[in-house]
Amino acid sequence: QVQLVESGGGLVQPGGSLRLSCAASGSIFRINRMAWYCQAPGKQRELVASVTSGSRPIYADSVKGRFTISRDNTKNTVYLQMNNLKPEDTAVYYCNAGAFIIGRGQVEYNYWGQGTQVTVSS
């Protein structure tokens, strides 16, 4: 199976920056898609940004121009650089990955991290 471990969350003032990291480990043959979702209290989990092999990154309208997703395939790691943070960015951020597993053929499995809290407040 695959484990996703996130890091980099915390408390930051409005206008500040944070960088989230998510490292995948386990019986990985290849990771196709890596993404970040967020979930604020009382709201549904929603896509922040995603990057799929061979495709351009996709961003939620609310973060375009402020957040940048990137991945290091040699480390099976995805990053989310968050700049000019706003109070409305406060949420738990979850890493998501679609991966092909060694010995399980051409089936893409979906995995989630445990989440990391991002709080934007003065």
N, C-alpha and C. Protein backbone atom coordinates (compact mmCIF):
# COMPACT_ATOMS: atom_id res chain seq x y z
N GLN A 1 0.84 -1.18 0.00
CA GLN A 1 0.00 0.00 0.00
C GLN A 1 0.88 1.24 0.00
N VAL A 2 0.20 2.39 0.08
CA VAL A 2 0.90 3.67 0.01
C VAL A 2 0.57 4.51 1.23
N GLN A 3 1.58 5.13 1.79
CA GLN A 3 1.38 6.06 2.89
C GLN A 3 1.76 7.46 2.43
N LEU A 4 0.93 8.44 2.81
CA LEU A 4 1.21 9.83 2.50
C LEU A 4 1.43 10.58 3.81
N VAL A 5 2.55 11.26 3.92
CA VAL A 5 2.87 12.00 5.14
C VAL A 5 3.05 13.47 4.79
N GLU A 6 2.19 14.29 5.37
CA GLU A 6 2.22 15.73 5.10
C GLU A 6 3.00 16.47 6.19
N SER A 7 3.52 17.61 5.83
CA SER A 7 4.20 18.48 6.78
C SER A 7 4.15 19.91 6.28
N GLY A 8 4.42 20.85 7.18
CA GLY A 8 4.54 22.25 6.77
C GLY A 8 3.40 23.16 7.17
N GLY A 9 2.36 22.62 7.76
CA GLY A 9 1.26 23.48 8.20
C GLY A 9 1.64 24.30 9.41
N GLY A 10 0.74 25.21 9.79
CA GLY A 10 1.00 26.03 10.96
C GLY A 10 0.16 27.29 10.97
N LEU A 11 0.56 28.20 11.85
CA LEU A 11 -0.11 29.49 12.00
C LEU A 11 0.71 30.56 11.31
N VAL A 12 0.03 31.37 10.50
CA VAL A 12 0.72 32.42 9.77
C VAL A 12 -0.18 33.64 9.71
N GLN A 13 0.43 34.81 9.65
CA GLN A 13 -0.35 36.04 9.54
C GLN A 13 -0.83 36.25 8.12
N PRO A 14 -1.91 37.00 7.94
CA PRO A 14 -2.36 37.33 6.58
C PRO A 14 -1.24 37.96 5.78
N GLY A 15 -1.13 37.52 4.51
CA GLY A 15 -0.05 37.99 3.66
C GLY A 15 1.20 37.15 3.74
N GLY A 16 1.25 36.24 4.67
CA GLY A 16 2.41 35.39 4.85
C GLY A 16 2.42 34.20 3.90
N SER A 17 3.43 33.34 4.07
CA SER A 17 3.61 32.19 3.20
C SER A 17 3.85 30.93 4.01
N LEU A 18 3.46 29.83 3.43
CA LEU A 18 3.75 28.50 3.96
C LEU A 18 4.04 27.58 2.78
N ARG A 19 4.82 26.53 3.06
CA ARG A 19 5.08 25.51 2.06
C ARG A 19 4.73 24.15 2.66
N LEU A 20 3.76 23.50 2.04
CA LEU A 20 3.36 22.16 2.46
C LEU A 20 4.12 21.12 1.64
N SER A 21 4.43 20.02 2.30
CA SER A 21 5.08 18.90 1.62
C SER A 21 4.29 17.63 1.90
N CYS A 22 4.31 16.72 0.94
CA CYS A 22 3.66 15.43 1.11
C CYS A 22 4.54 14.37 0.45
N ALA A 23 5.03 13.45 1.26
CA ALA A 23 5.89 12.39 0.75
C ALA A 23 5.13 11.07 0.73
N ALA A 24 5.18 10.40 -0.41
CA ALA A 24 4.52 9.10 -0.57
C ALA A 24 5.56 7.99 -0.44
N SER A 25 5.16 6.92 0.24
CA SER A 25 6.05 5.77 0.38
C SER A 25 5.22 4.49 0.34
N GLY A 26 5.91 3.37 0.08
CA GLY A 26 5.22 2.09 0.02
C GLY A 26 5.53 1.37 -1.27
N SER A 27 4.64 0.46 -1.63
CA SER A 27 4.85 -0.39 -2.81
C SER A 27 4.40 0.33 -4.08
N ILE A 28 5.08 1.43 -4.37
CA ILE A 28 4.68 2.30 -5.48
C ILE A 28 5.37 1.88 -6.76
N PHE A 29 4.57 1.62 -7.79
CA PHE A 29 5.14 1.43 -9.12
C PHE A 29 5.28 2.78 -9.81
N ARG A 30 4.19 3.53 -9.79
CA ARG A 30 4.21 4.88 -10.37
C ARG A 30 3.05 5.69 -9.81
N ILE A 31 3.33 6.96 -9.53
CA ILE A 31 2.27 7.87 -9.11
C ILE A 31 1.82 8.68 -10.31
N ASN A 32 0.52 8.67 -10.57
CA ASN A 32 -0.03 9.40 -11.71
C ASN A 32 -0.41 10.82 -11.29
N ARG A 33 -1.27 10.93 -10.33
CA ARG A 33 -1.80 12.23 -9.94
C ARG A 33 -1.48 12.51 -8.48
N MET A 34 -1.08 13.75 -8.19
CA MET A 34 -0.92 14.20 -6.81
C MET A 34 -1.66 15.52 -6.67
N ALA A 35 -2.30 15.70 -5.55
CA ALA A 35 -3.15 16.87 -5.38
C ALA A 35 -3.22 17.29 -3.92
N TRP A 36 -3.67 18.51 -3.73
CA TRP A 36 -3.96 19.05 -2.41
C TRP A 36 -5.43 19.45 -2.37
N TYR A 37 -6.10 19.06 -1.29
CA TYR A 37 -7.46 19.45 -1.01
C TYR A 37 -7.46 20.19 0.33
N CYS A 38 -8.52 20.96 0.56
CA CYS A 38 -8.66 21.60 1.86
C CYS A 38 -10.10 21.42 2.35
N GLN A 39 -10.23 21.44 3.66
CA GLN A 39 -11.55 21.33 4.27
C GLN A 39 -11.61 22.27 5.47
N ALA A 40 -12.45 23.29 5.35
CA ALA A 40 -12.68 24.23 6.44
C ALA A 40 -13.81 23.71 7.31
N PRO A 41 -13.89 24.15 8.56
CA PRO A 41 -14.95 23.70 9.46
C PRO A 41 -16.33 23.92 8.86
N GLY A 42 -17.15 22.88 8.86
CA GLY A 42 -18.50 22.99 8.36
C GLY A 42 -18.64 22.98 6.85
N LYS A 43 -17.52 22.77 6.15
CA LYS A 43 -17.56 22.78 4.69
C LYS A 43 -17.08 21.44 4.14
N GLN A 44 -17.39 21.22 2.87
CA GLN A 44 -16.94 20.01 2.21
C GLN A 44 -15.47 20.15 1.80
N ARG A 45 -14.84 19.01 1.67
CA ARG A 45 -13.47 19.00 1.18
C ARG A 45 -13.48 19.42 -0.29
N GLU A 46 -12.53 20.29 -0.65
CA GLU A 46 -12.51 20.78 -2.03
C GLU A 46 -11.09 20.80 -2.57
N LEU A 47 -11.00 20.70 -3.87
CA LEU A 47 -9.70 20.68 -4.54
C LEU A 47 -9.04 22.05 -4.47
N VAL A 48 -7.75 22.05 -4.12
CA VAL A 48 -6.96 23.28 -4.15
C VAL A 48 -6.11 23.31 -5.42
N ALA A 49 -5.38 22.22 -5.65
CA ALA A 49 -4.51 22.14 -6.82
C ALA A 49 -4.16 20.69 -7.08
N SER A 50 -3.93 20.36 -8.34
CA SER A 50 -3.53 19.01 -8.69
C SER A 50 -2.55 19.04 -9.84
N VAL A 51 -1.71 18.01 -9.89
CA VAL A 51 -0.77 17.87 -10.99
C VAL A 51 -0.73 16.41 -11.40
N THR A 52 -0.98 16.16 -12.67
CA THR A 52 -1.00 14.82 -13.23
C THR A 52 0.14 14.67 -14.22
N SER A 53 0.73 13.50 -14.24
CA SER A 53 1.86 13.26 -15.14
C SER A 53 1.53 13.67 -16.56
N GLY A 54 2.37 14.53 -17.14
CA GLY A 54 2.20 14.94 -18.52
C GLY A 54 1.19 16.04 -18.75
N SER A 55 0.62 16.58 -17.67
CA SER A 55 -0.39 17.63 -17.82
C SER A 55 -0.02 18.86 -17.01
N ARG A 56 -0.64 19.96 -17.37
CA ARG A 56 -0.42 21.20 -16.64
C ARG A 56 -1.17 21.16 -15.31
N PRO A 57 -0.65 21.83 -14.30
CA PRO A 57 -1.34 21.87 -13.01
C PRO A 57 -2.71 22.53 -13.13
N ILE A 58 -3.59 22.13 -12.24
CA ILE A 58 -4.93 22.72 -12.16
C ILE A 58 -5.06 23.38 -10.79
N TYR A 59 -5.66 24.57 -10.76
CA TYR A 59 -5.84 25.31 -9.51
C TYR A 59 -7.30 25.72 -9.33
N ALA A 60 -7.71 25.77 -8.07
CA ALA A 60 -8.99 26.39 -7.76
C ALA A 60 -8.88 27.88 -8.05
N ASP A 61 -9.98 28.48 -8.47
CA ASP A 61 -9.96 29.91 -8.82
C ASP A 61 -9.49 30.76 -7.64
N SER A 62 -9.83 30.34 -6.44
CA SER A 62 -9.53 31.14 -5.25
C SER A 62 -8.04 31.22 -4.93
N VAL A 63 -7.25 30.32 -5.51
CA VAL A 63 -5.81 30.30 -5.18
C VAL A 63 -4.92 30.63 -6.38
N LYS A 64 -5.52 30.80 -7.54
CA LYS A 64 -4.72 31.11 -8.72
C LYS A 64 -3.89 32.38 -8.50
N GLY A 65 -2.63 32.29 -8.87
CA GLY A 65 -1.74 33.44 -8.70
C GLY A 65 -1.11 33.54 -7.32
N ARG A 66 -1.59 32.72 -6.38
CA ARG A 66 -1.04 32.75 -5.02
C ARG A 66 -0.38 31.42 -4.62
N PHE A 67 -0.94 30.32 -5.08
CA PHE A 67 -0.42 28.99 -4.73
C PHE A 67 0.24 28.36 -5.94
N THR A 68 1.26 27.57 -5.68
CA THR A 68 1.94 26.83 -6.73
C THR A 68 2.15 25.39 -6.28
N ILE A 69 1.67 24.45 -7.10
CA ILE A 69 1.89 23.03 -6.82
C ILE A 69 3.06 22.54 -7.67
N SER A 70 3.88 21.70 -7.07
CA SER A 70 5.00 21.11 -7.81
C SER A 70 5.25 19.71 -7.26
N ARG A 71 5.96 18.91 -8.03
CA ARG A 71 6.25 17.56 -7.56
C ARG A 71 7.66 17.15 -7.94
N ASP A 72 8.24 16.32 -7.11
CA ASP A 72 9.55 15.74 -7.36
C ASP A 72 9.33 14.24 -7.50
N ASN A 73 9.33 13.77 -8.74
CA ASN A 73 9.03 12.37 -8.99
C ASN A 73 10.12 11.44 -8.45
N THR A 74 11.34 11.94 -8.32
CA THR A 74 12.42 11.10 -7.78
C THR A 74 12.21 10.82 -6.30
N LYS A 75 11.44 11.68 -5.64
CA LYS A 75 11.18 11.52 -4.20
C LYS A 75 9.72 11.18 -3.92
N ASN A 76 8.91 11.03 -4.96
CA ASN A 76 7.47 10.79 -4.78
C ASN A 76 6.87 11.81 -3.82
N THR A 77 7.22 13.06 -4.04
CA THR A 77 6.81 14.14 -3.13
C THR A 77 6.12 15.25 -3.91
N VAL A 78 5.09 15.80 -3.31
CA VAL A 78 4.39 16.94 -3.89
C VAL A 78 4.44 18.10 -2.89
N TYR A 79 4.55 19.29 -3.42
CA TYR A 79 4.66 20.50 -2.61
C TYR A 79 3.52 21.46 -2.96
N LEU A 80 3.18 22.29 -1.99
CA LEU A 80 2.22 23.37 -2.24
C LEU A 80 2.81 24.63 -1.61
N GLN A 81 3.29 25.53 -2.47
CA GLN A 81 3.79 26.81 -2.01
C GLN A 81 2.62 27.77 -1.95
N MET A 82 2.36 28.28 -0.76
CA MET A 82 1.20 29.15 -0.54
C MET A 82 1.71 30.54 -0.16
N ASN A 83 1.44 31.50 -1.03
CA ASN A 83 1.85 32.88 -0.79
C ASN A 83 0.63 33.78 -0.62
N ASN A 84 0.86 34.95 -0.03
CA ASN A 84 -0.22 35.92 0.18
C ASN A 84 -1.44 35.25 0.80
N LEU A 85 -1.22 34.54 1.88
CA LEU A 85 -2.30 33.79 2.51
C LEU A 85 -3.34 34.72 3.10
N LYS A 86 -4.59 34.25 3.04
CA LYS A 86 -5.74 35.01 3.53
C LYS A 86 -6.44 34.22 4.63
N PRO A 87 -7.17 34.89 5.50
CA PRO A 87 -7.89 34.17 6.56
C PRO A 87 -8.81 33.08 6.00
N GLU A 88 -9.37 33.31 4.83
CA GLU A 88 -10.27 32.31 4.24
C GLU A 88 -9.53 31.07 3.73
N ASP A 89 -8.21 31.09 3.74
CA ASP A 89 -7.43 29.89 3.41
C ASP A 89 -7.32 28.94 4.59
N THR A 90 -7.77 29.37 5.76
CA THR A 90 -7.69 28.53 6.95
C THR A 90 -8.49 27.25 6.76
N ALA A 91 -7.82 26.12 6.94
CA ALA A 91 -8.45 24.82 6.71
C ALA A 91 -7.44 23.73 7.06
N VAL A 92 -7.94 22.50 7.08
CA VAL A 92 -7.05 21.34 7.09
C VAL A 92 -6.76 21.00 5.63
N TYR A 93 -5.48 20.86 5.32
CA TYR A 93 -5.06 20.56 3.96
C TYR A 93 -4.66 19.09 3.88
N TYR A 94 -5.23 18.40 2.90
CA TYR A 94 -5.00 16.98 2.71
C TYR A 94 -4.27 16.71 1.40
N CYS A 95 -3.30 15.84 1.47
CA CYS A 95 -2.61 15.36 0.28
C CYS A 95 -3.38 14.17 -0.29
N ASN A 96 -3.44 14.09 -1.61
CA ASN A 96 -4.13 13.02 -2.29
C ASN A 96 -3.25 12.50 -3.42
N ALA A 97 -3.22 11.20 -3.60
CA ALA A 97 -2.41 10.63 -4.68
C ALA A 97 -3.13 9.48 -5.36
N GLY A 98 -2.99 9.41 -6.67
CA GLY A 98 -3.45 8.27 -7.44
C GLY A 98 -2.23 7.50 -7.89
N ALA A 99 -2.12 6.25 -7.44
CA ALA A 99 -0.89 5.50 -7.66
C ALA A 99 -1.15 4.10 -8.19
N PHE A 100 -0.21 3.63 -8.99
CA PHE A 100 -0.17 2.24 -9.43
C PHE A 100 0.75 1.49 -8.48
N ILE A 101 0.27 0.34 -8.02
CA ILE A 101 0.97 -0.42 -6.99
C ILE A 101 1.69 -1.60 -7.61
N ILE A 102 2.87 -1.87 -7.12
CA ILE A 102 3.67 -2.99 -7.61
C ILE A 102 2.89 -4.29 -7.46
N GLY A 103 2.79 -5.01 -8.57
CA GLY A 103 2.14 -6.31 -8.53
C GLY A 103 0.63 -6.28 -8.65
N ARG A 104 0.05 -5.08 -8.84
CA ARG A 104 -1.42 -4.98 -8.91
C ARG A 104 -1.90 -4.48 -10.27
N GLY A 105 -1.04 -4.57 -11.27
CA GLY A 105 -1.47 -4.28 -12.62
C GLY A 105 -1.82 -2.83 -12.86
N GLN A 106 -2.68 -2.62 -13.88
CA GLN A 106 -3.00 -1.27 -14.34
C GLN A 106 -4.23 -0.71 -13.64
N VAL A 107 -4.26 -0.83 -12.35
CA VAL A 107 -5.34 -0.24 -11.56
C VAL A 107 -4.77 0.91 -10.74
N GLU A 108 -5.37 2.07 -10.84
CA GLU A 108 -4.91 3.23 -10.09
C GLU A 108 -5.69 3.30 -8.77
N TYR A 109 -4.95 3.31 -7.68
CA TYR A 109 -5.55 3.37 -6.35
C TYR A 109 -5.45 4.80 -5.82
N ASN A 110 -6.43 5.18 -5.01
CA ASN A 110 -6.53 6.53 -4.47
C ASN A 110 -6.16 6.53 -2.99
N TYR A 111 -5.29 7.46 -2.59
CA TYR A 111 -4.82 7.52 -1.21
C TYR A 111 -4.92 8.95 -0.67
N TRP A 112 -5.11 9.01 0.67
CA TRP A 112 -5.18 10.30 1.35
C TRP A 112 -4.17 10.37 2.50
N GLY A 113 -3.65 11.56 2.73
CA GLY A 113 -2.84 11.80 3.91
C GLY A 113 -3.73 12.11 5.11
N GLN A 114 -3.08 12.33 6.25
CA GLN A 114 -3.83 12.54 7.49
C GLN A 114 -4.27 13.98 7.68
N GLY A 115 -3.73 14.87 6.87
CA GLY A 115 -4.10 16.28 6.94
C GLY A 115 -3.16 17.10 7.80
N THR A 116 -3.00 18.36 7.41
CA THR A 116 -2.19 19.30 8.19
C THR A 116 -2.95 20.62 8.29
N GLN A 117 -2.97 21.19 9.49
CA GLN A 117 -3.76 22.39 9.74
C GLN A 117 -3.01 23.63 9.27
N VAL A 118 -3.70 24.46 8.53
CA VAL A 118 -3.19 25.79 8.15
C VAL A 118 -4.14 26.83 8.72
N THR A 119 -3.61 27.73 9.53
CA THR A 119 -4.41 28.78 10.14
C THR A 119 -3.81 30.12 9.78
N VAL A 120 -4.64 30.98 9.18
CA VAL A 120 -4.19 32.31 8.78
C VAL A 120 -4.93 33.31 9.66
N SER A 121 -4.20 33.96 10.53
CA SER A 121 -4.83 34.86 11.49
C SER A 121 -3.81 35.85 12.02
N SER A 122 -4.30 37.04 12.33
CA SER A 122 -3.43 38.05 12.93
C SER A 122 -3.55 38.02 14.46
